[in-house]
Amino acid sequence: EFKTFANRDMILPDIGIPHHLICKAI
């Protein structure tokens, strides 16, 4: 049922890397 659970939660929205481009990371 991967489609229902396809996304990861990285705990922090920027995984602790303070730059707006990090949201483009896989």
Full PDB file with SEQRES, HELIX, SHEET, SSBOND, CRYST1, ORIGX, SCALE, CONECT and MASTER records, all heavy atoms in Angstrom:
SEQRES   1 A   26  GLU PHE LYS THR PHE ALA ASN ARG ASP MET ILE LEU PRO          
SEQRES   2 A   26  ASP ILE GLY ILE PRO HIS HIS LEU ILE CYS LYS ALA ILE          
HELIX    1 AA1 PHE A    2  PHE A    5  5                                   4    
HELIX    2 AA2 HIS A   20  LYS A   24  5                                   5    
CRYST1    1.000    1.000    1.000  90.00  90.00  90.00 P 1           1          
ORIGX1      1.000000  0.000000  0.000000        0.00000                         
ORIGX2      0.000000  1.000000  0.000000        0.00000                         
ORIGX3      0.000000  0.000000  1.000000        0.00000                         
SCALE1      1.000000  0.000000  0.000000        0.00000                         
SCALE2      0.000000  1.000000  0.000000        0.00000                         
SCALE3      0.000000  0.000000  1.000000        0.00000                         
ATOM      1  N   GLU A   1       0.845  -1.205   0.000  1.00  0.00           N  
ATOM      2  CA  GLU A   1       0.000   0.000   0.000  1.00  0.00           C  
ATOM      3  C   GLU A   1       0.876   1.250   0.000  1.00  0.00           C  
ATOM      4  O   GLU A   1       0.556   2.255   0.646  1.00  0.00           O  
ATOM      5  CB  GLU A   1      -0.932  -0.012   1.233  1.00  0.00           C  
ATOM      6  CG  GLU A   1      -1.887  -1.174   1.281  1.00  0.00           C  
ATOM      7  CD  GLU A   1      -2.947  -1.104   0.183  1.00  0.00           C  
ATOM      8  OE1 GLU A   1      -3.197   0.010  -0.316  1.00  0.00           O  
ATOM      9  OE2 GLU A   1      -3.510  -2.162  -0.160  1.00  0.00           O  
ATOM     10  N   PHE A   2       1.961   1.176  -0.745  1.00  0.00           N  
ATOM     11  CA  PHE A   2       2.955   2.256  -0.746  1.00  0.00           C  
ATOM     12  C   PHE A   2       2.346   3.612  -1.097  1.00  0.00           C  
ATOM     13  O   PHE A   2       2.737   4.641  -0.556  1.00  0.00           O  
ATOM     14  CB  PHE A   2       4.082   1.911  -1.731  1.00  0.00           C  
ATOM     15  CG  PHE A   2       5.082   3.017  -1.904  1.00  0.00           C  
ATOM     16  CD1 PHE A   2       6.012   3.289  -0.912  1.00  0.00           C  
ATOM     17  CD2 PHE A   2       5.092   3.794  -3.056  1.00  0.00           C  
ATOM     18  CE1 PHE A   2       6.933   4.319  -1.062  1.00  0.00           C  
ATOM     19  CE2 PHE A   2       6.009   4.818  -3.221  1.00  0.00           C  
ATOM     20  CZ  PHE A   2       6.936   5.075  -2.215  1.00  0.00           C  
ATOM     21  N   LYS A   3       1.366   3.643  -2.003  1.00  0.00           N  
ATOM     22  CA  LYS A   3       0.769   4.911  -2.440  1.00  0.00           C  
ATOM     23  C   LYS A   3       0.198   5.714  -1.277  1.00  0.00           C  
ATOM     24  O   LYS A   3       0.237   6.938  -1.273  1.00  0.00           O  
ATOM     25  CB  LYS A   3      -0.327   4.659  -3.482  1.00  0.00           C  
ATOM     26  CG  LYS A   3       0.207   4.285  -4.849  1.00  0.00           C  
ATOM     27  CD  LYS A   3      -0.930   4.168  -5.853  1.00  0.00           C  
ATOM     28  CE  LYS A   3      -0.384   3.851  -7.242  1.00  0.00           C  
ATOM     29  NZ  LYS A   3      -1.479   3.735  -8.248  1.00  0.00           N  
ATOM     30  N   THR A   4      -0.331   5.013  -0.296  1.00  0.00           N  
ATOM     31  CA  THR A   4      -0.906   5.686   0.870  1.00  0.00           C  
ATOM     32  C   THR A   4       0.176   6.170   1.829  1.00  0.00           C  
ATOM     33  O   THR A   4      -0.063   7.086   2.619  1.00  0.00           O  
ATOM     34  CB  THR A   4      -1.874   4.737   1.612  1.00  0.00           C  
ATOM     35  OG1 THR A   4      -2.830   4.234   0.679  1.00  0.00           O  
ATOM     36  CG2 THR A   4      -2.610   5.439   2.738  1.00  0.00           C  
ATOM     37  N   PHE A   5       1.373   5.567   1.738  1.00  0.00           N  
ATOM     38  CA  PHE A   5       2.450   5.897   2.668  1.00  0.00           C  
ATOM     39  C   PHE A   5       3.733   6.258   1.902  1.00  0.00           C  
ATOM     40  O   PHE A   5       4.831   5.891   2.304  1.00  0.00           O  
ATOM     41  CB  PHE A   5       2.726   4.711   3.591  1.00  0.00           C  
ATOM     42  CG  PHE A   5       1.537   4.272   4.400  1.00  0.00           C  
ATOM     43  CD1 PHE A   5       0.673   3.293   3.923  1.00  0.00           C  
ATOM     44  CD2 PHE A   5       1.265   4.848   5.626  1.00  0.00           C  
ATOM     45  CE1 PHE A   5      -0.429   2.879   4.662  1.00  0.00           C  
ATOM     46  CE2 PHE A   5       0.158   4.441   6.376  1.00  0.00           C  
ATOM     47  CZ  PHE A   5      -0.691   3.458   5.890  1.00  0.00           C  
ATOM     48  N   ALA A   6       3.580   6.987   0.805  1.00  0.00           N  
ATOM     49  CA  ALA A   6       4.714   7.227  -0.100  1.00  0.00           C  
ATOM     50  C   ALA A   6       5.716   8.243   0.416  1.00  0.00           C  
ATOM     51  O   ALA A   6       6.877   8.233   0.006  1.00  0.00           O  
ATOM     52  CB  ALA A   6       4.195   7.672  -1.472  1.00  0.00           C  
ATOM     53  N   ASN A   7       5.301   9.117   1.325  1.00  0.00           N  
ATOM     54  CA  ASN A   7       6.161  10.230   1.727  1.00  0.00           C  
ATOM     55  C   ASN A   7       6.826   9.984   3.076  1.00  0.00           C  
ATOM     56  O   ASN A   7       6.280   9.317   3.946  1.00  0.00           O  
ATOM     57  CB  ASN A   7       5.351  11.529   1.776  1.00  0.00           C  
ATOM     58  CG  ASN A   7       4.776  11.881   0.417  1.00  0.00           C  
ATOM     59  OD1 ASN A   7       5.425  11.684  -0.605  1.00  0.00           O  
ATOM     60  ND2 ASN A   7       3.546  12.383   0.398  1.00  0.00           N  
ATOM     61  N   ARG A   8       8.007  10.564   3.221  1.00  0.00           N  
ATOM     62  CA  ARG A   8       8.761  10.454   4.468  1.00  0.00           C  
ATOM     63  C   ARG A   8       8.547  11.688   5.325  1.00  0.00           C  
ATOM     64  O   ARG A   8       8.278  12.776   4.817  1.00  0.00           O  
ATOM     65  CB  ARG A   8      10.264  10.302   4.184  1.00  0.00           C  
ATOM     66  CG  ARG A   8      10.645   9.000   3.537  1.00  0.00           C  
ATOM     67  CD  ARG A   8      12.141   8.929   3.322  1.00  0.00           C  
ATOM     68  NE  ARG A   8      12.875   8.935   4.584  1.00  0.00           N  
ATOM     69  CZ  ARG A   8      14.202   8.990   4.670  1.00  0.00           C  
ATOM     70  NH1 ARG A   8      14.933   9.040   3.578  1.00  0.00           N  
ATOM     71  NH2 ARG A   8      14.800   8.992   5.840  1.00  0.00           N  
ATOM     72  N   ASP A   9       8.688  11.508   6.620  1.00  0.00           N  
ATOM     73  CA  ASP A   9       8.682  12.638   7.552  1.00  0.00           C  
ATOM     74  C   ASP A   9      10.109  12.794   8.067  1.00  0.00           C  
ATOM     75  O   ASP A   9      10.644  11.900   8.718  1.00  0.00           O  
ATOM     76  CB  ASP A   9       7.720  12.356   8.717  1.00  0.00           C  
ATOM     77  CG  ASP A   9       7.577  13.549   9.650  1.00  0.00           C  
ATOM     78  OD1 ASP A   9       8.476  14.408   9.655  1.00  0.00           O  
ATOM     79  OD2 ASP A   9       6.572  13.622  10.364  1.00  0.00           O  
ATOM     80  N   MET A  10      10.727  13.935   7.760  1.00  0.00           N  
ATOM     81  CA  MET A  10      12.121  14.149   8.126  1.00  0.00           C  
ATOM     82  C   MET A  10      12.273  14.820   9.493  1.00  0.00           C  
ATOM     83  O   MET A  10      13.329  15.344   9.827  1.00  0.00           O  
ATOM     84  CB  MET A  10      12.824  14.984   7.055  1.00  0.00           C  
ATOM     85  CG  MET A  10      12.787  14.356   5.665  1.00  0.00           C  
ATOM     86  SD  MET A  10      13.460  12.678   5.608  1.00  0.00           S  
ATOM     87  CE  MET A  10      15.186  12.993   5.983  1.00  0.00           C  
ATOM     88  N   ILE A  11      11.197  14.829  10.288  1.00  0.00           N  
ATOM     89  CA  ILE A  11      11.156  15.411  11.627  1.00  0.00           C  
ATOM     90  C   ILE A  11      11.239  16.938  11.572  1.00  0.00           C  
ATOM     91  O   ILE A  11      10.402  17.639  12.112  1.00  0.00           O  
ATOM     92  CB  ILE A  11      12.262  14.835  12.550  1.00  0.00           C  
ATOM     93  CG1 ILE A  11      12.180  13.304  12.543  1.00  0.00           C  
ATOM     94  CG2 ILE A  11      12.119  15.373  13.971  1.00  0.00           C  
ATOM     95  CD1 ILE A  11      10.857  12.728  12.961  1.00  0.00           C  
ATOM     96  N   LEU A  12      12.281  17.468  10.898  1.00  0.00           N  
ATOM     97  CA  LEU A  12      12.369  18.909  10.652  1.00  0.00           C  
ATOM     98  C   LEU A  12      12.053  19.175   9.184  1.00  0.00           C  
ATOM     99  O   LEU A  12      12.495  18.423   8.313  1.00  0.00           O  
ATOM    100  CB  LEU A  12      13.764  19.437  10.977  1.00  0.00           C  
ATOM    101  CG  LEU A  12      14.156  19.495  12.451  1.00  0.00           C  
ATOM    102  CD1 LEU A  12      15.600  19.972  12.591  1.00  0.00           C  
ATOM    103  CD2 LEU A  12      13.239  20.413  13.232  1.00  0.00           C  
ATOM    104  N   PRO A  13      11.322  20.246   8.876  1.00  0.00           N  
ATOM    105  CA  PRO A  13      10.933  20.499   7.476  1.00  0.00           C  
ATOM    106  C   PRO A  13      12.117  20.771   6.556  1.00  0.00           C  
ATOM    107  O   PRO A  13      11.995  20.631   5.345  1.00  0.00           O  
ATOM    108  CB  PRO A  13      10.026  21.729   7.584  1.00  0.00           C  
ATOM    109  CG  PRO A  13      10.385  22.386   8.874  1.00  0.00           C  
ATOM    110  CD  PRO A  13      10.785  21.270   9.791  1.00  0.00           C  
ATOM    111  N   ASP A  14      13.268  21.153   7.142  1.00  0.00           N  
ATOM    112  CA  ASP A  14      14.461  21.411   6.317  1.00  0.00           C  
ATOM    113  C   ASP A  14      15.604  20.469   6.687  1.00  0.00           C  
ATOM    114  O   ASP A  14      16.750  20.729   6.353  1.00  0.00           O  
ATOM    115  CB  ASP A  14      14.922  22.865   6.468  1.00  0.00           C  
ATOM    116  CG  ASP A  14      15.203  23.252   7.923  1.00  0.00           C  
ATOM    117  OD1 ASP A  14      15.091  22.373   8.797  1.00  0.00           O  
ATOM    118  OD2 ASP A  14      15.518  24.417   8.180  1.00  0.00           O  
ATOM    119  N   ILE A  15      15.271  19.380   7.386  1.00  0.00           N  
ATOM    120  CA  ILE A  15      16.230  18.388   7.906  1.00  0.00           C  
ATOM    121  C   ILE A  15      17.464  19.030   8.544  1.00  0.00           C  
ATOM    122  O   ILE A  15      18.554  18.463   8.547  1.00  0.00           O  
ATOM    123  CB  ILE A  15      16.664  17.358   6.834  1.00  0.00           C  
ATOM    124  CG1 ILE A  15      17.308  18.005   5.605  1.00  0.00           C  
ATOM    125  CG2 ILE A  15      15.513  16.487   6.446  1.00  0.00           C  
ATOM    126  CD1 ILE A  15      17.892  17.001   4.623  1.00  0.00           C  
ATOM    127  N   GLY A  16      17.282  20.230   9.106  1.00  0.00           N  
ATOM    128  CA  GLY A  16      18.377  20.899   9.801  1.00  0.00           C  
ATOM    129  C   GLY A  16      19.356  21.610   8.894  1.00  0.00           C  
ATOM    130  O   GLY A  16      20.387  22.091   9.367  1.00  0.00           O  
ATOM    131  N   ILE A  17      19.061  21.680   7.585  1.00  0.00           N  
ATOM    132  CA  ILE A  17      19.934  22.384   6.637  1.00  0.00           C  
ATOM    133  C   ILE A  17      19.256  23.703   6.273  1.00  0.00           C  
ATOM    134  O   ILE A  17      18.261  23.713   5.538  1.00  0.00           O  
ATOM    135  CB  ILE A  17      20.202  21.544   5.381  1.00  0.00           C  
ATOM    136  CG1 ILE A  17      20.934  20.254   5.767  1.00  0.00           C  
ATOM    137  CG2 ILE A  17      21.013  22.328   4.353  1.00  0.00           C  
ATOM    138  CD1 ILE A  17      21.195  19.300   4.612  1.00  0.00           C  
ATOM    139  N   PRO A  18      19.748  24.834   6.782  1.00  0.00           N  
ATOM    140  CA  PRO A  18      19.037  26.106   6.661  1.00  0.00           C  
ATOM    141  C   PRO A  18      19.201  26.788   5.301  1.00  0.00           C  
ATOM    142  O   PRO A  18      19.879  27.814   5.174  1.00  0.00           O  
ATOM    143  CB  PRO A  18      19.661  26.958   7.781  1.00  0.00           C  
ATOM    144  CG  PRO A  18      21.053  26.442   7.902  1.00  0.00           C  
ATOM    145  CD  PRO A  18      20.976  24.972   7.597  1.00  0.00           C  
ATOM    146  N   HIS A  19      18.581  26.213   4.277  1.00  0.00           N  
ATOM    147  CA  HIS A  19      18.608  26.817   2.951  1.00  0.00           C  
ATOM    148  C   HIS A  19      17.343  26.406   2.204  1.00  0.00           C  
ATOM    149  O   HIS A  19      16.928  25.238   2.271  1.00  0.00           O  
ATOM    150  CB  HIS A  19      19.853  26.373   2.178  1.00  0.00           C  
ATOM    151  CG  HIS A  19      20.146  27.225   0.985  1.00  0.00           C  
ATOM    152  ND1 HIS A  19      19.463  27.097  -0.202  1.00  0.00           N  
ATOM    153  CD2 HIS A  19      21.050  28.229   0.795  1.00  0.00           C  
ATOM    154  CE1 HIS A  19      19.937  27.974  -1.077  1.00  0.00           C  
ATOM    155  NE2 HIS A  19      20.892  28.677  -0.502  1.00  0.00           N  
ATOM    156  N   HIS A  20      16.738  27.358   1.460  1.00  0.00           N  
ATOM    157  CA  HIS A  20      15.448  27.080   0.826  1.00  0.00           C  
ATOM    158  C   HIS A  20      15.525  25.996  -0.245  1.00  0.00           C  
ATOM    159  O   HIS A  20      14.537  25.317  -0.526  1.00  0.00           O  
ATOM    160  CB  HIS A  20      14.871  28.373   0.225  1.00  0.00           C  
ATOM    161  CG  HIS A  20      15.626  28.890  -0.961  1.00  0.00           C  
ATOM    162  ND1 HIS A  20      16.796  29.621  -0.840  1.00  0.00           N  
ATOM    163  CD2 HIS A  20      15.396  28.774  -2.302  1.00  0.00           C  
ATOM    164  CE1 HIS A  20      17.245  29.942  -2.040  1.00  0.00           C  
ATOM    165  NE2 HIS A  20      16.421  29.435  -2.943  1.00  0.00           N  
ATOM    166  N   LEU A  21      16.706  25.779  -0.841  1.00  0.00           N  
ATOM    167  CA  LEU A  21      16.818  24.787  -1.914  1.00  0.00           C  
ATOM    168  C   LEU A  21      16.775  23.350  -1.412  1.00  0.00           C  
ATOM    169  O   LEU A  21      16.547  22.430  -2.199  1.00  0.00           O  
ATOM    170  CB  LEU A  21      18.100  25.004  -2.721  1.00  0.00           C  
ATOM    171  CG  LEU A  21      18.117  26.168  -3.711  1.00  0.00           C  
ATOM    172  CD1 LEU A  21      19.389  26.128  -4.547  1.00  0.00           C  
ATOM    173  CD2 LEU A  21      16.890  26.146  -4.611  1.00  0.00           C  
ATOM    174  N   ILE A  22      16.995  23.144  -0.114  1.00  0.00           N  
ATOM    175  CA  ILE A  22      17.049  21.771   0.380  1.00  0.00           C  
ATOM    176  C   ILE A  22      15.711  21.055   0.166  1.00  0.00           C  
ATOM    177  O   ILE A  22      15.658  19.818   0.082  1.00  0.00           O  
ATOM    178  CB  ILE A  22      17.451  21.728   1.880  1.00  0.00           C  
ATOM    179  CG1 ILE A  22      17.913  20.311   2.268  1.00  0.00           C  
ATOM    180  CG2 ILE A  22      16.343  22.219   2.773  1.00  0.00           C  
ATOM    181  CD1 ILE A  22      19.113  19.806   1.506  1.00  0.00           C  
ATOM    182  N   CYS A  23      14.620  21.813   0.029  1.00  0.00           N  
ATOM    183  CA  CYS A  23      13.315  21.190  -0.220  1.00  0.00           C  
ATOM    184  C   CYS A  23      13.269  20.488  -1.574  1.00  0.00           C  
ATOM    185  O   CYS A  23      12.360  19.701  -1.846  1.00  0.00           O  
ATOM    186  CB  CYS A  23      12.200  22.218  -0.119  1.00  0.00           C  
ATOM    187  SG  CYS A  23      12.259  23.490  -1.388  1.00  0.00           S  
ATOM    188  N   LYS A  24      14.271  20.756  -2.443  1.00  0.00           N  
ATOM    189  CA  LYS A  24      14.350  20.099  -3.752  1.00  0.00           C  
ATOM    190  C   LYS A  24      15.044  18.745  -3.666  1.00  0.00           C  
ATOM    191  O   LYS A  24      15.094  18.004  -4.652  1.00  0.00           O  
ATOM    192  CB  LYS A  24      15.121  20.980  -4.741  1.00  0.00           C  
ATOM    193  CG  LYS A  24      14.554  22.380  -4.934  1.00  0.00           C  
ATOM    194  CD  LYS A  24      13.308  22.366  -5.782  1.00  0.00           C  
ATOM    195  CE  LYS A  24      12.823  23.769  -6.097  1.00  0.00           C  
ATOM    196  NZ  LYS A  24      11.583  23.768  -6.893  1.00  0.00           N  
ATOM    197  N   ALA A  25      15.603  18.422  -2.493  1.00  0.00           N  
ATOM    198  CA  ALA A  25      16.306  17.149  -2.323  1.00  0.00           C  
ATOM    199  C   ALA A  25      15.312  15.997  -2.281  1.00  0.00           C  
ATOM    200  O   ALA A  25      14.178  16.145  -1.812  1.00  0.00           O  
ATOM    201  CB  ALA A  25      17.147  17.169  -1.054  1.00  0.00           C  
ATOM    202  N   ILE A  26      15.724  14.850  -2.736  1.00  0.00           N  
ATOM    203  CA  ILE A  26      14.816  13.717  -2.913  1.00  0.00           C  
ATOM    204  C   ILE A  26      14.139  13.280  -1.614  1.00  0.00           C  
ATOM    205  O   ILE A  26      12.969  12.914  -1.615  1.00  0.00           O  
ATOM    206  CB  ILE A  26      15.560  12.522  -3.570  1.00  0.00           C  
ATOM    207  CG1 ILE A  26      14.561  11.419  -3.925  1.00  0.00           C  
ATOM    208  CG2 ILE A  26      16.707  12.023  -2.708  1.00  0.00           C  
ATOM    209  CD1 ILE A  26      15.157  10.317  -4.768  1.00  0.00           C  
TER     210      ILE A  26                                                      
MASTER        0    0    0    2    0    0    0    6  209    1    0    2          
END                                                                             
